[in-house]
Amino acid sequence: MEKITMNVEGMMCNNCKAHVEKALAQAGGTDIQVSLEDKTAACSYAAPVKADALKAAVVEAGYQVV
């Protein structure tokens, strides 16, 4: 298992947090932890999932990965 942590801009509330969690889960992420205070999202993933696919899922959900 690999792990990724990304800085996410645009999350304002728990609904945003849930939206990011859902996007990561649908892209193959597991053990997902999203923090509104730190503006971060972290999750584990295994092949064939790629880190770029997880980042793209967050962007597609309407948030910026910086």
C-alpha atoms as a PDB file:
ATOM      1  CA  MET A   1       0.000   0.000   0.000  1.00  0.00           C
ATOM      2  CA  GLU A   2       1.148   3.492  -0.866  1.00  0.00           C
ATOM      3  CA  LYS A   3       0.032   6.624   0.945  1.00  0.00           C
ATOM      4  CA  ILE A   4      -0.584  10.120  -0.396  1.00  0.00           C
ATOM      5  CA  THR A   5      -1.197  13.402   1.393  1.00  0.00           C
ATOM      6  CA  MET A   6      -2.312  16.424  -0.591  1.00  0.00           C
ATOM      7  CA  ASN A   7      -3.149  20.036   0.213  1.00  0.00           C
ATOM      8  CA  VAL A   8      -6.711  20.805  -0.839  1.00  0.00           C
ATOM      9  CA  GLU A   9      -8.063  24.333  -1.299  1.00  0.00           C
ATOM     10  CA  GLY A  10     -11.754  25.196  -1.430  1.00  0.00           C
ATOM     11  CA  MET A  11     -13.140  23.054   1.396  1.00  0.00           C
ATOM     12  CA  MET A  12     -15.344  25.219   3.615  1.00  0.00           C
ATOM     13  CA  CYS A  13     -17.598  22.866   5.594  1.00  0.00           C
ATOM     14  CA  ASN A  14     -18.273  19.259   6.552  1.00  0.00           C
ATOM     15  CA  ASN A  15     -20.241  18.796   3.329  1.00  0.00           C
ATOM     16  CA  CYS A  16     -17.095  19.715   1.362  1.00  0.00           C
ATOM     17  CA  LYS A  17     -15.088  17.295   3.488  1.00  0.00           C
ATOM     18  CA  ALA A  18     -17.575  14.504   2.745  1.00  0.00           C
ATOM     19  CA  HIS A  19     -17.469  15.354  -0.959  1.00  0.00           C
ATOM     20  CA  VAL A  20     -13.655  14.983  -1.025  1.00  0.00           C
ATOM     21  CA  GLU A  21     -13.840  11.729   0.974  1.00  0.00           C
ATOM     22  CA  LYS A  22     -16.383  10.316  -1.472  1.00  0.00           C
ATOM     23  CA  ALA A  23     -14.295  11.338  -4.497  1.00  0.00           C
ATOM     24  CA  LEU A  24     -11.203   9.644  -3.060  1.00  0.00           C
ATOM     25  CA  ALA A  25     -13.131   6.487  -2.177  1.00  0.00           C
ATOM     26  CA  GLN A  26     -14.602   6.232  -5.668  1.00  0.00           C
ATOM     27  CA  ALA A  27     -11.106   6.633  -7.151  1.00  0.00           C
ATOM     28  CA  GLY A  28      -9.798   3.690  -5.109  1.00  0.00           C
ATOM     29  CA  GLY A  29      -8.526   5.387  -1.957  1.00  0.00           C
ATOM     30  CA  THR A  30      -8.799   3.666   1.425  1.00  0.00           C
ATOM     31  CA  ASP A  31      -8.147   4.787   5.021  1.00  0.00           C
ATOM     32  CA  ILE A  32      -9.208   8.304   3.989  1.00  0.00           C
ATOM     33  CA  GLN A  33      -8.566  11.214   6.359  1.00  0.00           C
ATOM     34  CA  VAL A  34      -9.635  14.736   5.386  1.00  0.00           C
ATOM     35  CA  SER A  35      -8.950  17.758   7.604  1.00  0.00           C
ATOM     36  CA  LEU A  36     -10.760  21.054   7.139  1.00  0.00           C
ATOM     37  CA  GLU A  37      -8.432  22.843   9.579  1.00  0.00           C
ATOM     38  CA  ASP A  38      -5.224  21.677   7.898  1.00  0.00           C
ATOM     39  CA  LYS A  39      -6.726  21.746   4.381  1.00  0.00           C
ATOM     40  CA  THR A  40      -5.347  18.271   3.713  1.00  0.00           C
ATOM     41  CA  ALA A  41      -6.573  14.944   2.412  1.00  0.00           C
ATOM     42  CA  ALA A  42      -4.669  11.723   2.984  1.00  0.00           C
ATOM     43  CA  CYS A  43      -5.393   8.173   1.931  1.00  0.00           C
ATOM     44  CA  SER A  44      -3.821   4.856   1.118  1.00  0.00           C
ATOM     45  CA  TYR A  45      -4.029   3.153  -2.262  1.00  0.00           C
ATOM     46  CA  ALA A  46      -2.826   0.013  -3.961  1.00  0.00           C
ATOM     47  CA  ALA A  47      -2.054  -0.856  -7.572  1.00  0.00           C
ATOM     48  CA  PRO A  48      -3.546  -0.316 -10.093  1.00  0.00           C
ATOM     49  CA  VAL A  49      -4.656   3.013  -8.515  1.00  0.00           C
ATOM     50  CA  LYS A  50      -2.210   5.860  -9.144  1.00  0.00           C
ATOM     51  CA  ALA A  51      -1.648   9.018  -7.078  1.00  0.00           C
ATOM     52  CA  ASP A  52      -2.467  11.158 -10.125  1.00  0.00           C
ATOM     53  CA  ALA A  53      -5.892   9.510 -10.371  1.00  0.00           C
ATOM     54  CA  LEU A  54      -6.633  10.407  -6.744  1.00  0.00           C
ATOM     55  CA  LYS A  55      -5.583  14.019  -7.298  1.00  0.00           C
ATOM     56  CA  ALA A  56      -7.684  14.173 -10.460  1.00  0.00           C
ATOM     57  CA  ALA A  57     -10.720  12.886  -8.538  1.00  0.00           C
ATOM     58  CA  VAL A  58     -10.409  15.729  -6.023  1.00  0.00           C
ATOM     59  CA  VAL A  59     -10.070  18.287  -8.821  1.00  0.00           C
ATOM     60  CA  GLU A  60     -13.049  16.789 -10.654  1.00  0.00           C
ATOM     61  CA  ALA A  61     -15.046  17.110  -7.429  1.00  0.00           C
ATOM     62  CA  GLY A  62     -14.452  20.865  -7.613  1.00  0.00           C
ATOM     63  CA  TYR A  63     -11.461  21.480  -5.342  1.00  0.00           C
ATOM     64  CA  GLN A  64      -7.879  22.551  -5.994  1.00  0.00           C
ATOM     65  CA  VAL A  65      -4.914  20.349  -5.180  1.00  0.00           C
ATOM     66  CA  VAL A  66      -1.888  22.526  -4.437  1.00  0.00           C
END
